[in-house]
Amino acid sequence: MVDIAVISGSKSDQVIADKVLRRLEEKGASYEYKILSAHRNPSELEKYISETDARVFIAIAGLSAALPGVIASKTARPVIGVPVSAKLGGLDALLSIVQMPPGVPVACVGIDNGDNAALLALRILEIGR
């Protein structure tokens, strides 16, 4: 069983994913990391979400940043979105993540702030212990 599923939408998000993974490793958290796009791999993403036993998701995405919202639409588990500064300084991704419709909750950290995403996931997990 893993505590945290870290998913990035593209290999180009690796620098931000590395921040998340380093922080989780420092804290001794169990995690798994996947690169799955909401646009290019929707079936694989849905299969992964339904099969993983992760308790929290961290979704790293730039541009339209659909990944966190798609994950949140497929699970009742907490989802944390990390907007990536791919274009428009990351503002496009930030707005995409924070403007989820009612019933699709996604927590959002600052642009490129993988460290805070990892720390927030760890705090969420502490509530249940």
N, C-alpha and C. Protein backbone atom coordinates (compact mmCIF):
# COMPACT_ATOMS: atom_id res chain seq x y z
N MET A 1 0.85 -1.19 0.00
CA MET A 1 0.00 0.00 0.00
C MET A 1 0.89 1.24 0.00
N VAL A 2 0.51 2.21 -0.81
CA VAL A 2 1.23 3.49 -0.82
C VAL A 2 0.31 4.57 -0.26
N ASP A 3 0.91 5.55 0.36
CA ASP A 3 0.13 6.64 0.91
C ASP A 3 -0.23 7.68 -0.14
N ILE A 4 0.72 7.97 -1.04
CA ILE A 4 0.56 9.10 -1.95
C ILE A 4 0.85 8.67 -3.38
N ALA A 5 -0.05 9.01 -4.28
CA ALA A 5 0.17 8.83 -5.71
C ALA A 5 0.55 10.18 -6.29
N VAL A 6 1.71 10.25 -6.90
CA VAL A 6 2.17 11.47 -7.56
C VAL A 6 2.06 11.23 -9.05
N ILE A 7 1.30 12.09 -9.72
CA ILE A 7 1.08 11.93 -11.16
C ILE A 7 1.41 13.25 -11.84
N SER A 8 2.26 13.18 -12.85
CA SER A 8 2.50 14.37 -13.65
C SER A 8 1.93 14.12 -15.05
N GLY A 9 1.51 15.21 -15.66
CA GLY A 9 0.86 15.10 -16.96
C GLY A 9 1.83 14.93 -18.11
N SER A 10 3.12 15.20 -17.86
CA SER A 10 4.10 15.17 -18.94
C SER A 10 5.50 14.98 -18.36
N LYS A 11 6.38 14.40 -19.15
CA LYS A 11 7.78 14.25 -18.76
C LYS A 11 8.41 15.62 -18.52
N SER A 12 7.90 16.65 -19.18
CA SER A 12 8.45 17.99 -19.01
C SER A 12 8.21 18.55 -17.60
N ASP A 13 7.34 17.92 -16.83
CA ASP A 13 7.05 18.34 -15.46
C ASP A 13 7.99 17.70 -14.44
N GLN A 14 9.02 17.00 -14.92
CA GLN A 14 9.89 16.21 -14.05
C GLN A 14 10.58 17.05 -12.98
N VAL A 15 10.97 18.28 -13.31
CA VAL A 15 11.66 19.12 -12.32
C VAL A 15 10.77 19.35 -11.10
N ILE A 16 9.49 19.59 -11.33
CA ILE A 16 8.55 19.81 -10.22
C ILE A 16 8.28 18.49 -9.51
N ALA A 17 8.12 17.41 -10.27
CA ALA A 17 7.91 16.09 -9.66
C ALA A 17 9.08 15.74 -8.75
N ASP A 18 10.28 16.05 -9.17
CA ASP A 18 11.45 15.75 -8.35
C ASP A 18 11.40 16.46 -7.00
N LYS A 19 10.89 17.69 -6.97
CA LYS A 19 10.73 18.42 -5.70
C LYS A 19 9.78 17.66 -4.77
N VAL A 20 8.67 17.20 -5.33
CA VAL A 20 7.68 16.45 -4.54
C VAL A 20 8.30 15.16 -4.02
N LEU A 21 8.93 14.41 -4.91
CA LEU A 21 9.48 13.11 -4.54
C LEU A 21 10.60 13.23 -3.51
N ARG A 22 11.46 14.23 -3.66
CA ARG A 22 12.52 14.44 -2.67
C ARG A 22 11.94 14.70 -1.28
N ARG A 23 10.93 15.56 -1.22
CA ARG A 23 10.33 15.90 0.08
C ARG A 23 9.67 14.66 0.68
N LEU A 24 8.96 13.87 -0.11
CA LEU A 24 8.31 12.66 0.40
C LEU A 24 9.35 11.66 0.89
N GLU A 25 10.47 11.53 0.16
CA GLU A 25 11.54 10.63 0.59
C GLU A 25 12.16 11.10 1.90
N GLU A 26 12.37 12.41 2.03
CA GLU A 26 12.92 12.97 3.28
C GLU A 26 12.06 12.62 4.48
N LYS A 27 10.75 12.62 4.27
CA LYS A 27 9.80 12.36 5.35
C LYS A 27 9.45 10.89 5.50
N GLY A 28 10.00 10.05 4.65
CA GLY A 28 9.76 8.61 4.76
C GLY A 28 8.37 8.17 4.32
N ALA A 29 7.73 8.95 3.47
CA ALA A 29 6.38 8.61 3.02
C ALA A 29 6.45 7.57 1.90
N SER A 30 5.46 6.71 1.87
CA SER A 30 5.38 5.75 0.77
C SER A 30 4.62 6.41 -0.38
N TYR A 31 5.13 6.24 -1.59
CA TYR A 31 4.51 6.89 -2.76
C TYR A 31 4.81 6.07 -4.01
N GLU A 32 4.08 6.39 -5.05
CA GLU A 32 4.40 5.90 -6.38
C GLU A 32 4.26 7.07 -7.34
N TYR A 33 5.06 7.06 -8.40
CA TYR A 33 5.08 8.16 -9.35
C TYR A 33 4.75 7.65 -10.75
N LYS A 34 3.84 8.33 -11.41
CA LYS A 34 3.43 7.97 -12.77
C LYS A 34 3.39 9.23 -13.63
N ILE A 35 3.64 9.06 -14.90
CA ILE A 35 3.40 10.13 -15.88
C ILE A 35 2.20 9.68 -16.70
N LEU A 36 1.08 10.36 -16.50
CA LEU A 36 -0.17 10.03 -17.19
C LEU A 36 -0.90 11.33 -17.51
N SER A 37 -1.14 11.56 -18.76
CA SER A 37 -1.82 12.78 -19.19
C SER A 37 -3.33 12.57 -19.22
N ALA A 38 -4.06 13.57 -18.74
CA ALA A 38 -5.52 13.52 -18.83
C ALA A 38 -5.98 13.58 -20.28
N HIS A 39 -5.15 14.13 -21.15
CA HIS A 39 -5.50 14.27 -22.56
C HIS A 39 -4.96 13.14 -23.42
N ARG A 40 -3.73 12.74 -23.20
CA ARG A 40 -3.10 11.73 -24.05
C ARG A 40 -3.31 10.30 -23.56
N ASN A 41 -3.54 10.10 -22.25
CA ASN A 41 -3.70 8.76 -21.69
C ASN A 41 -4.95 8.64 -20.81
N PRO A 42 -6.11 9.11 -21.25
CA PRO A 42 -7.26 9.13 -20.34
C PRO A 42 -7.68 7.75 -19.83
N SER A 43 -7.62 6.74 -20.67
CA SER A 43 -8.01 5.39 -20.23
C SER A 43 -7.03 4.84 -19.21
N GLU A 44 -5.73 5.02 -19.46
CA GLU A 44 -4.72 4.55 -18.52
C GLU A 44 -4.82 5.30 -17.19
N LEU A 45 -5.10 6.59 -17.26
CA LEU A 45 -5.25 7.39 -16.04
C LEU A 45 -6.44 6.88 -15.23
N GLU A 46 -7.56 6.68 -15.86
CA GLU A 46 -8.75 6.21 -15.16
C GLU A 46 -8.51 4.83 -14.54
N LYS A 47 -7.84 3.96 -15.27
CA LYS A 47 -7.53 2.62 -14.75
C LYS A 47 -6.63 2.74 -13.52
N TYR A 48 -5.60 3.58 -13.61
CA TYR A 48 -4.69 3.75 -12.48
C TYR A 48 -5.43 4.28 -11.25
N ILE A 49 -6.25 5.31 -11.44
CA ILE A 49 -6.99 5.89 -10.31
C ILE A 49 -7.86 4.84 -9.63
N SER A 50 -8.50 4.01 -10.41
CA SER A 50 -9.40 3.00 -9.83
C SER A 50 -8.65 1.85 -9.17
N GLU A 51 -7.42 1.59 -9.59
CA GLU A 51 -6.68 0.44 -9.07
C GLU A 51 -5.72 0.77 -7.93
N THR A 52 -5.26 2.01 -7.84
CA THR A 52 -4.28 2.33 -6.80
C THR A 52 -4.95 2.39 -5.43
N ASP A 53 -4.18 2.03 -4.42
CA ASP A 53 -4.68 2.12 -3.06
C ASP A 53 -4.16 3.38 -2.36
N ALA A 54 -3.57 4.29 -3.13
CA ALA A 54 -3.07 5.54 -2.56
C ALA A 54 -4.19 6.29 -1.86
N ARG A 55 -3.83 6.97 -0.77
CA ARG A 55 -4.83 7.69 0.02
C ARG A 55 -4.95 9.15 -0.38
N VAL A 56 -3.93 9.70 -1.02
CA VAL A 56 -3.92 11.09 -1.47
C VAL A 56 -3.24 11.14 -2.84
N PHE A 57 -3.73 12.02 -3.70
CA PHE A 57 -3.13 12.23 -5.02
C PHE A 57 -2.49 13.61 -5.09
N ILE A 58 -1.31 13.68 -5.68
CA ILE A 58 -0.69 14.95 -6.06
C ILE A 58 -0.62 14.94 -7.57
N ALA A 59 -1.26 15.92 -8.20
CA ALA A 59 -1.32 16.00 -9.66
C ALA A 59 -0.57 17.24 -10.13
N ILE A 60 0.46 17.02 -10.94
CA ILE A 60 1.33 18.09 -11.42
C ILE A 60 1.00 18.35 -12.88
N ALA A 61 0.62 19.59 -13.21
CA ALA A 61 0.19 19.85 -14.59
C ALA A 61 0.39 21.31 -14.97
N GLY A 62 0.73 21.51 -16.22
CA GLY A 62 0.86 22.85 -16.77
C GLY A 62 -0.19 23.08 -17.84
N LEU A 63 -0.12 24.25 -18.46
CA LEU A 63 -1.02 24.64 -19.54
C LEU A 63 -2.48 24.58 -19.08
N SER A 64 -3.30 23.75 -19.72
CA SER A 64 -4.72 23.71 -19.32
C SER A 64 -4.92 23.02 -17.98
N ALA A 65 -3.92 22.28 -17.53
CA ALA A 65 -3.89 21.67 -16.20
C ALA A 65 -5.17 20.91 -15.85
N ALA A 66 -5.62 20.09 -16.77
CA ALA A 66 -6.84 19.31 -16.55
C ALA A 66 -6.64 18.16 -15.57
N LEU A 67 -5.41 17.70 -15.42
CA LEU A 67 -5.13 16.49 -14.64
C LEU A 67 -5.72 16.47 -13.24
N PRO A 68 -5.51 17.50 -12.40
CA PRO A 68 -6.07 17.43 -11.04
C PRO A 68 -7.60 17.31 -11.03
N GLY A 69 -8.26 18.05 -11.89
CA GLY A 69 -9.72 17.99 -11.94
C GLY A 69 -10.25 16.66 -12.43
N VAL A 70 -9.57 16.09 -13.41
CA VAL A 70 -9.99 14.77 -13.90
C VAL A 70 -9.83 13.73 -12.80
N ILE A 71 -8.71 13.77 -12.09
CA ILE A 71 -8.52 12.82 -10.99
C ILE A 71 -9.61 13.01 -9.94
N ALA A 72 -9.87 14.26 -9.56
CA ALA A 72 -10.89 14.53 -8.53
C ALA A 72 -12.28 14.09 -8.99
N SER A 73 -12.53 14.09 -10.28
CA SER A 73 -13.83 13.66 -10.78
C SER A 73 -14.00 12.14 -10.74
N LYS A 74 -12.88 11.43 -10.53
CA LYS A 74 -12.90 9.96 -10.56
C LYS A 74 -12.72 9.32 -9.20
N THR A 75 -12.49 10.12 -8.15
CA THR A 75 -12.25 9.56 -6.83
C THR A 75 -12.76 10.51 -5.74
N ALA A 76 -13.03 9.96 -4.58
CA ALA A 76 -13.42 10.78 -3.42
C ALA A 76 -12.20 11.08 -2.54
N ARG A 77 -11.04 10.54 -2.90
CA ARG A 77 -9.83 10.79 -2.13
C ARG A 77 -9.29 12.21 -2.41
N PRO A 78 -8.55 12.79 -1.47
CA PRO A 78 -8.04 14.15 -1.66
C PRO A 78 -7.09 14.26 -2.85
N VAL A 79 -7.21 15.38 -3.56
CA VAL A 79 -6.35 15.68 -4.71
C VAL A 79 -5.73 17.05 -4.51
N ILE A 80 -4.42 17.11 -4.67
CA ILE A 80 -3.68 18.37 -4.58
C ILE A 80 -3.12 18.66 -5.96
N GLY A 81 -3.43 19.83 -6.50
CA GLY A 81 -2.92 20.23 -7.80
C GLY A 81 -1.69 21.12 -7.66
N VAL A 82 -0.71 20.87 -8.51
CA VAL A 82 0.49 21.70 -8.57
C VAL A 82 0.56 22.31 -9.97
N PRO A 83 0.27 23.60 -10.09
CA PRO A 83 0.38 24.24 -11.40
C PRO A 83 1.83 24.43 -11.80
N VAL A 84 2.12 24.20 -13.08
CA VAL A 84 3.49 24.30 -13.59
C VAL A 84 3.59 25.52 -14.51
N SER A 85 4.70 26.20 -14.41
CA SER A 85 4.90 27.42 -15.19
C SER A 85 5.38 27.13 -16.61
N ALA A 86 4.56 26.45 -17.39
CA ALA A 86 4.92 26.12 -18.77
C ALA A 86 4.69 27.31 -19.71
N LYS A 87 3.59 27.98 -19.57
CA LYS A 87 3.24 29.16 -20.38
C LYS A 87 2.58 30.19 -19.47
N LEU A 88 2.54 31.41 -19.92
CA LEU A 88 1.87 32.50 -19.18
C LEU A 88 2.31 32.56 -17.72
N GLY A 89 3.54 32.17 -17.45
CA GLY A 89 4.07 32.20 -16.10
C GLY A 89 3.38 31.23 -15.17
N GLY A 90 2.63 30.29 -15.71
CA GLY A 90 1.92 29.31 -14.89
C GLY A 90 0.54 29.77 -14.46
N LEU A 91 0.18 31.01 -14.80
CA LEU A 91 -1.13 31.53 -14.41
C LEU A 91 -2.27 30.74 -15.04
N ASP A 92 -2.08 30.30 -16.28
CA ASP A 92 -3.10 29.49 -16.94
C ASP A 92 -3.37 28.20 -16.16
N ALA A 93 -2.30 27.53 -15.75
CA ALA A 93 -2.44 26.28 -14.99
C ALA A 93 -3.04 26.54 -13.61
N LEU A 94 -2.59 27.61 -12.96
CA LEU A 94 -3.12 27.95 -11.64
C LEU A 94 -4.62 28.18 -11.69
N LEU A 95 -5.07 28.98 -12.64
CA LEU A 95 -6.50 29.27 -12.74
C LEU A 95 -7.30 28.02 -13.11
N SER A 96 -6.74 27.16 -13.94
CA SER A 96 -7.44 25.92 -14.29
C SER A 96 -7.66 25.04 -13.07
N ILE A 97 -6.67 25.00 -12.19
CA ILE A 97 -6.76 24.12 -11.03
C ILE A 97 -7.67 24.71 -9.96
N VAL A 98 -7.58 26.00 -9.70
CA VAL A 98 -8.38 26.57 -8.60
C VAL A 98 -9.84 26.80 -8.98
N GLN A 99 -10.17 26.80 -10.25
CA GLN A 99 -11.54 27.08 -10.69
C GLN A 99 -12.33 25.80 -10.98
N MET A 100 -12.26 24.83 -10.11
CA MET A 100 -13.02 23.60 -10.29
C MET A 100 -14.51 23.86 -10.03
N PRO A 101 -15.37 23.15 -10.74
CA PRO A 101 -16.80 23.33 -10.51
C PRO A 101 -17.23 22.73 -9.17
N PRO A 102 -18.39 23.13 -8.68
CA PRO A 102 -18.90 22.54 -7.43
C PRO A 102 -18.94 21.01 -7.53
N GLY A 103 -18.53 20.38 -6.46
CA GLY A 103 -18.55 18.92 -6.42
C GLY A 103 -17.26 18.26 -6.89
N VAL A 104 -16.29 19.07 -7.35
CA VAL A 104 -15.00 18.54 -7.79
C VAL A 104 -13.90 19.28 -7.03
N PRO A 105 -13.73 18.95 -5.74
CA PRO A 105 -12.75 19.68 -4.93
C PRO A 105 -11.32 19.30 -5.26
N VAL A 106 -10.49 20.33 -5.42
CA VAL A 106 -9.06 20.15 -5.64
C VAL A 106 -8.35 21.21 -4.81
N ALA A 107 -7.42 20.78 -3.98
CA ALA A 107 -6.56 21.73 -3.27
C ALA A 107 -5.50 22.19 -4.26
N CYS A 108 -5.02 23.42 -4.12
CA CYS A 108 -4.04 23.94 -5.05
C CYS A 108 -2.93 24.64 -4.28
N VAL A 109 -1.69 24.35 -4.64
CA VAL A 109 -0.55 25.05 -4.07
C VAL A 109 -0.04 26.04 -5.11
N GLY A 110 0.96 26.80 -4.75
CA GLY A 110 1.50 27.81 -5.64
C GLY A 110 2.18 27.22 -6.87
N ILE A 111 2.38 28.06 -7.85
CA ILE A 111 3.00 27.66 -9.11
C ILE A 111 4.39 27.07 -8.83
N ASP A 112 4.61 25.87 -9.36
CA ASP A 112 5.88 25.13 -9.24
C ASP A 112 6.22 24.73 -7.80
N ASN A 113 5.26 24.81 -6.88
CA ASN A 113 5.55 24.59 -5.46
C ASN A 113 5.31 23.13 -5.05
N GLY A 114 6.13 22.25 -5.61
CA GLY A 114 6.03 20.83 -5.28
C GLY A 114 6.29 20.53 -3.81
N ASP A 115 7.17 21.32 -3.18
CA ASP A 115 7.44 21.11 -1.76
C ASP A 115 6.17 21.24 -0.93
N ASN A 116 5.40 22.29 -1.15
CA ASN A 116 4.18 22.48 -0.38
C ASN A 116 3.14 21.40 -0.68
N ALA A 117 3.11 20.92 -1.90
CA ALA A 117 2.18 19.83 -2.22
C ALA A 117 2.50 18.59 -1.40
N ALA A 118 3.78 18.26 -1.32
CA ALA A 118 4.20 17.10 -0.52
C ALA A 118 3.86 17.30 0.95
N LEU A 119 4.15 18.49 1.47
CA LEU A 119 3.87 18.75 2.89
C LEU A 119 2.37 18.73 3.17
N LEU A 120 1.57 19.25 2.27
CA LEU A 120 0.11 19.22 2.46
C LEU A 120 -0.40 17.78 2.44
N ALA A 121 0.09 16.97 1.52
CA ALA A 121 -0.32 15.57 1.48
C ALA A 121 0.01 14.87 2.79
N LEU A 122 1.19 15.14 3.32
CA LEU A 122 1.60 14.52 4.59
C LEU A 122 0.70 14.98 5.73
N ARG A 123 0.31 16.25 5.75
CA ARG A 123 -0.61 16.74 6.79
C ARG A 123 -1.99 16.10 6.67
N ILE A 124 -2.46 15.93 5.44
CA ILE A 124 -3.75 15.27 5.23
C ILE A 124 -3.70 13.85 5.81
N LEU A 125 -2.61 13.15 5.55
CA LEU A 125 -2.48 11.79 6.04
C LEU A 125 -2.41 11.73 7.56
N GLU A 126 -1.87 12.73 8.21
CA GLU A 126 -1.77 12.76 9.66
C GLU A 126 -3.14 12.85 10.34
N ILE A 127 -4.12 13.43 9.67
CA ILE A 127 -5.46 13.59 10.25
C ILE A 127 -6.06 12.22 10.60
N GLY A 128 -5.82 11.25 9.75
CA GLY A 128 -6.42 9.92 9.96
C GLY A 128 -5.66 9.04 10.93
N ARG A 129 -4.57 9.52 11.50
CA ARG A 129 -3.77 8.65 12.38
C ARG A 129 -4.02 8.93 13.82
